[in-house]
Amino acid sequence: MPTVNLTLIGKPGCHLCDDARDAIRGVLDDLAADSSVPSVEVNVTELSILDNPALMDEFAEEIPVVMLDGRVHTIWRVEPARLRTALLEASE
């Protein structure tokens, strides 16, 4: 089964980060329930810019940031349909 690494970069108390987390969870739940798509394993990691000076320097004005396999997928708002498509493409 292919594996995709998804990283959510944000910080505590960030309402957009909460929205991104909810959107990610929804997409992953939908993929798991959809028997018409191939199985994909998604490893989700959350990082806080408050714990990492390098992330703070790079992303302080852009959180939340969603990265797929080390590449920026989106900033600020997660579009579920776009994330779903990207996860499926990354798992091929």
N, C-alpha and C. Protein backbone atom coordinates (compact mmCIF):
# COMPACT_ATOMS: atom_id res chain seq x y z
N MET A 1 0.84 -1.17 0.00
CA MET A 1 0.00 0.00 0.00
C MET A 1 0.89 1.24 0.00
N PRO A 2 0.65 2.17 -0.90
CA PRO A 2 1.45 3.40 -0.96
C PRO A 2 1.25 4.24 0.31
N THR A 3 2.29 4.98 0.67
CA THR A 3 2.23 5.85 1.84
C THR A 3 2.51 7.28 1.42
N VAL A 4 1.71 8.20 1.93
CA VAL A 4 1.88 9.63 1.70
C VAL A 4 2.10 10.28 3.06
N ASN A 5 3.07 11.17 3.15
CA ASN A 5 3.34 11.90 4.37
C ASN A 5 2.71 13.28 4.28
N LEU A 6 1.78 13.54 5.18
CA LEU A 6 1.08 14.83 5.22
C LEU A 6 1.51 15.52 6.51
N THR A 7 1.97 16.76 6.38
CA THR A 7 2.38 17.54 7.54
C THR A 7 1.54 18.80 7.61
N LEU A 8 0.96 19.04 8.78
CA LEU A 8 0.21 20.26 9.04
C LEU A 8 1.08 21.14 9.93
N ILE A 9 1.43 22.30 9.44
CA ILE A 9 2.24 23.25 10.20
C ILE A 9 1.32 24.38 10.66
N GLY A 10 1.30 24.61 11.94
CA GLY A 10 0.43 25.65 12.50
C GLY A 10 0.91 26.07 13.86
N LYS A 11 -0.04 26.44 14.72
CA LYS A 11 0.28 26.77 16.11
C LYS A 11 -0.99 26.66 16.93
N PRO A 12 -0.86 26.48 18.23
CA PRO A 12 -2.03 26.42 19.10
C PRO A 12 -2.82 27.72 19.05
N GLY A 13 -4.14 27.60 19.14
CA GLY A 13 -4.99 28.78 19.17
C GLY A 13 -5.27 29.40 17.82
N CYS A 14 -4.86 28.76 16.76
CA CYS A 14 -5.04 29.27 15.39
C CYS A 14 -6.33 28.66 14.83
N HIS A 15 -7.36 29.50 14.62
CA HIS A 15 -8.64 28.96 14.14
C HIS A 15 -8.53 28.41 12.73
N LEU A 16 -7.69 28.98 11.89
CA LEU A 16 -7.51 28.43 10.55
C LEU A 16 -6.82 27.06 10.61
N CYS A 17 -5.94 26.89 11.60
CA CYS A 17 -5.29 25.59 11.78
C CYS A 17 -6.31 24.55 12.21
N ASP A 18 -7.23 24.94 13.10
CA ASP A 18 -8.30 24.04 13.50
C ASP A 18 -9.16 23.65 12.30
N ASP A 19 -9.49 24.64 11.46
CA ASP A 19 -10.28 24.36 10.25
C ASP A 19 -9.53 23.40 9.32
N ALA A 20 -8.22 23.63 9.16
CA ALA A 20 -7.41 22.76 8.29
C ALA A 20 -7.39 21.34 8.85
N ARG A 21 -7.22 21.20 10.15
CA ARG A 21 -7.21 19.88 10.79
C ARG A 21 -8.53 19.15 10.54
N ASP A 22 -9.65 19.88 10.69
CA ASP A 22 -10.96 19.28 10.46
C ASP A 22 -11.13 18.86 9.00
N ALA A 23 -10.67 19.70 8.08
CA ALA A 23 -10.78 19.37 6.65
C ALA A 23 -9.94 18.14 6.32
N ILE A 24 -8.73 18.08 6.86
CA ILE A 24 -7.87 16.92 6.62
C ILE A 24 -8.53 15.66 7.15
N ARG A 25 -9.03 15.73 8.37
CA ARG A 25 -9.70 14.57 8.98
C ARG A 25 -10.88 14.12 8.13
N GLY A 26 -11.66 15.08 7.63
CA GLY A 26 -12.81 14.75 6.79
C GLY A 26 -12.40 14.05 5.50
N VAL A 27 -11.35 14.55 4.86
CA VAL A 27 -10.87 13.93 3.61
C VAL A 27 -10.37 12.52 3.90
N LEU A 28 -9.61 12.35 4.95
CA LEU A 28 -9.09 11.02 5.27
C LEU A 28 -10.21 10.05 5.61
N ASP A 29 -11.21 10.51 6.35
CA ASP A 29 -12.36 9.66 6.66
C ASP A 29 -13.11 9.27 5.39
N ASP A 30 -13.30 10.24 4.49
CA ASP A 30 -14.00 9.95 3.23
C ASP A 30 -13.23 8.95 2.37
N LEU A 31 -11.91 9.11 2.30
CA LEU A 31 -11.10 8.17 1.52
C LEU A 31 -11.17 6.77 2.11
N ALA A 32 -11.13 6.68 3.43
CA ALA A 32 -11.19 5.37 4.09
C ALA A 32 -12.52 4.67 3.83
N ALA A 33 -13.59 5.46 3.71
CA ALA A 33 -14.93 4.88 3.52
C ALA A 33 -15.27 4.62 2.06
N ASP A 34 -14.47 5.14 1.13
CA ASP A 34 -14.76 5.04 -0.30
C ASP A 34 -14.08 3.81 -0.89
N SER A 35 -14.84 2.77 -1.11
CA SER A 35 -14.28 1.53 -1.64
C SER A 35 -13.95 1.62 -3.13
N SER A 36 -14.33 2.72 -3.77
CA SER A 36 -14.06 2.85 -5.20
C SER A 36 -12.67 3.41 -5.49
N VAL A 37 -11.94 3.82 -4.46
CA VAL A 37 -10.59 4.34 -4.66
C VAL A 37 -9.59 3.40 -4.04
N PRO A 38 -8.38 3.35 -4.58
CA PRO A 38 -7.36 2.47 -4.00
C PRO A 38 -7.02 2.91 -2.57
N SER A 39 -6.64 1.94 -1.76
CA SER A 39 -6.24 2.26 -0.39
C SER A 39 -4.95 3.06 -0.41
N VAL A 40 -4.89 4.04 0.48
CA VAL A 40 -3.69 4.85 0.63
C VAL A 40 -3.46 5.05 2.12
N GLU A 41 -2.22 4.89 2.52
CA GLU A 41 -1.86 5.14 3.90
C GLU A 41 -1.31 6.56 3.99
N VAL A 42 -1.87 7.35 4.88
CA VAL A 42 -1.44 8.73 5.06
C VAL A 42 -0.89 8.87 6.47
N ASN A 43 0.39 9.20 6.57
CA ASN A 43 1.01 9.49 7.85
C ASN A 43 0.86 10.99 8.10
N VAL A 44 0.12 11.34 9.14
CA VAL A 44 -0.14 12.75 9.45
C VAL A 44 0.74 13.16 10.62
N THR A 45 1.44 14.28 10.43
CA THR A 45 2.27 14.87 11.46
C THR A 45 1.87 16.32 11.62
N GLU A 46 1.79 16.78 12.86
CA GLU A 46 1.53 18.19 13.12
C GLU A 46 2.77 18.81 13.74
N LEU A 47 3.13 19.98 13.24
CA LEU A 47 4.26 20.73 13.77
C LEU A 47 3.80 22.13 14.12
N SER A 48 4.33 22.66 15.21
CA SER A 48 4.00 24.02 15.63
C SER A 48 5.17 24.94 15.32
N ILE A 49 4.87 26.08 14.75
CA ILE A 49 5.92 27.07 14.48
C ILE A 49 6.49 27.61 15.78
N LEU A 50 5.76 27.46 16.88
CA LEU A 50 6.25 27.94 18.18
C LEU A 50 7.36 27.06 18.72
N ASP A 51 7.46 25.83 18.24
CA ASP A 51 8.48 24.89 18.72
C ASP A 51 9.69 24.82 17.81
N ASN A 52 9.67 25.52 16.69
CA ASN A 52 10.73 25.36 15.71
C ASN A 52 11.05 26.71 15.07
N PRO A 53 12.16 27.33 15.45
CA PRO A 53 12.51 28.65 14.91
C PRO A 53 12.60 28.69 13.38
N ALA A 54 13.07 27.61 12.76
CA ALA A 54 13.17 27.59 11.30
C ALA A 54 11.78 27.65 10.67
N LEU A 55 10.83 26.88 11.23
CA LEU A 55 9.46 26.93 10.71
C LEU A 55 8.84 28.30 10.96
N MET A 56 9.14 28.89 12.12
CA MET A 56 8.62 30.24 12.42
C MET A 56 9.13 31.23 11.38
N ASP A 57 10.42 31.17 11.07
CA ASP A 57 10.98 32.09 10.07
C ASP A 57 10.35 31.90 8.70
N GLU A 58 10.11 30.67 8.33
CA GLU A 58 9.62 30.37 6.99
C GLU A 58 8.11 30.56 6.83
N PHE A 59 7.34 30.20 7.86
CA PHE A 59 5.89 30.12 7.68
C PHE A 59 5.06 30.98 8.62
N ALA A 60 5.65 31.86 9.39
CA ALA A 60 4.90 32.62 10.40
C ALA A 60 3.67 33.33 9.85
N GLU A 61 3.74 33.83 8.65
CA GLU A 61 2.63 34.58 8.07
C GLU A 61 1.74 33.73 7.17
N GLU A 62 2.01 32.44 7.08
CA GLU A 62 1.29 31.59 6.12
C GLU A 62 0.51 30.46 6.75
N ILE A 63 0.55 30.28 8.06
CA ILE A 63 -0.10 29.12 8.67
C ILE A 63 -1.61 29.20 8.55
N PRO A 64 -2.24 28.06 8.45
CA PRO A 64 -1.65 26.74 8.41
C PRO A 64 -1.06 26.43 7.03
N VAL A 65 -0.07 25.57 7.06
CA VAL A 65 0.56 25.08 5.85
C VAL A 65 0.38 23.56 5.82
N VAL A 66 -0.07 23.04 4.70
CA VAL A 66 -0.18 21.59 4.52
C VAL A 66 0.87 21.19 3.50
N MET A 67 1.70 20.22 3.92
CA MET A 67 2.74 19.70 3.04
C MET A 67 2.45 18.24 2.74
N LEU A 68 2.67 17.86 1.50
CA LEU A 68 2.56 16.46 1.09
C LEU A 68 3.93 16.00 0.64
N ASP A 69 4.42 14.98 1.31
CA ASP A 69 5.75 14.43 1.00
C ASP A 69 6.80 15.52 0.90
N GLY A 70 6.76 16.46 1.86
CA GLY A 70 7.78 17.49 1.96
C GLY A 70 7.60 18.70 1.07
N ARG A 71 6.53 18.73 0.30
CA ARG A 71 6.27 19.88 -0.59
C ARG A 71 5.02 20.60 -0.14
N VAL A 72 5.04 21.92 -0.24
CA VAL A 72 3.86 22.70 0.15
C VAL A 72 2.71 22.38 -0.78
N HIS A 73 1.61 21.96 -0.19
CA HIS A 73 0.38 21.69 -0.95
C HIS A 73 -0.52 22.91 -0.91
N THR A 74 -0.68 23.49 0.27
CA THR A 74 -1.56 24.65 0.39
C THR A 74 -1.21 25.45 1.63
N ILE A 75 -1.60 26.71 1.62
CA ILE A 75 -1.48 27.57 2.80
C ILE A 75 -2.85 28.17 3.09
N TRP A 76 -3.06 28.52 4.33
CA TRP A 76 -4.25 29.18 4.86
C TRP A 76 -5.52 28.34 4.85
N ARG A 77 -6.00 27.92 3.72
CA ARG A 77 -7.27 27.19 3.66
C ARG A 77 -7.10 25.89 2.89
N VAL A 78 -7.66 24.83 3.45
CA VAL A 78 -7.61 23.52 2.79
C VAL A 78 -8.89 23.33 2.00
N GLU A 79 -8.74 23.06 0.71
CA GLU A 79 -9.87 22.73 -0.14
C GLU A 79 -9.96 21.20 -0.18
N PRO A 80 -11.00 20.62 0.44
CA PRO A 80 -11.08 19.17 0.54
C PRO A 80 -10.95 18.43 -0.79
N ALA A 81 -11.62 18.89 -1.83
CA ALA A 81 -11.56 18.19 -3.12
C ALA A 81 -10.14 18.20 -3.68
N ARG A 82 -9.46 19.31 -3.55
CA ARG A 82 -8.09 19.43 -4.05
C ARG A 82 -7.15 18.53 -3.24
N LEU A 83 -7.33 18.48 -1.92
CA LEU A 83 -6.50 17.63 -1.08
C LEU A 83 -6.74 16.16 -1.42
N ARG A 84 -7.98 15.79 -1.59
CA ARG A 84 -8.32 14.40 -1.93
C ARG A 84 -7.61 13.99 -3.23
N THR A 85 -7.71 14.83 -4.25
CA THR A 85 -7.07 14.55 -5.53
C THR A 85 -5.56 14.43 -5.37
N ALA A 86 -4.97 15.33 -4.61
CA ALA A 86 -3.52 15.31 -4.41
C ALA A 86 -3.08 14.05 -3.68
N LEU A 87 -3.84 13.63 -2.68
CA LEU A 87 -3.50 12.41 -1.95
C LEU A 87 -3.58 11.19 -2.85
N LEU A 88 -4.60 11.12 -3.66
CA LEU A 88 -4.73 9.99 -4.58
C LEU A 88 -3.61 9.98 -5.61
N GLU A 89 -3.26 11.15 -6.14
CA GLU A 89 -2.17 11.22 -7.12
C GLU A 89 -0.83 10.88 -6.48
N ALA A 90 -0.61 11.33 -5.26
CA ALA A 90 0.65 11.06 -4.57
C ALA A 90 0.81 9.59 -4.23
N SER A 91 -0.30 8.89 -4.13
CA SER A 91 -0.23 7.48 -3.75
C SER A 91 -0.04 6.55 -4.95
N GLU A 92 -0.06 7.10 -6.16
CA GLU A 92 0.08 6.26 -7.36
C GLU A 92 1.51 5.82 -7.57
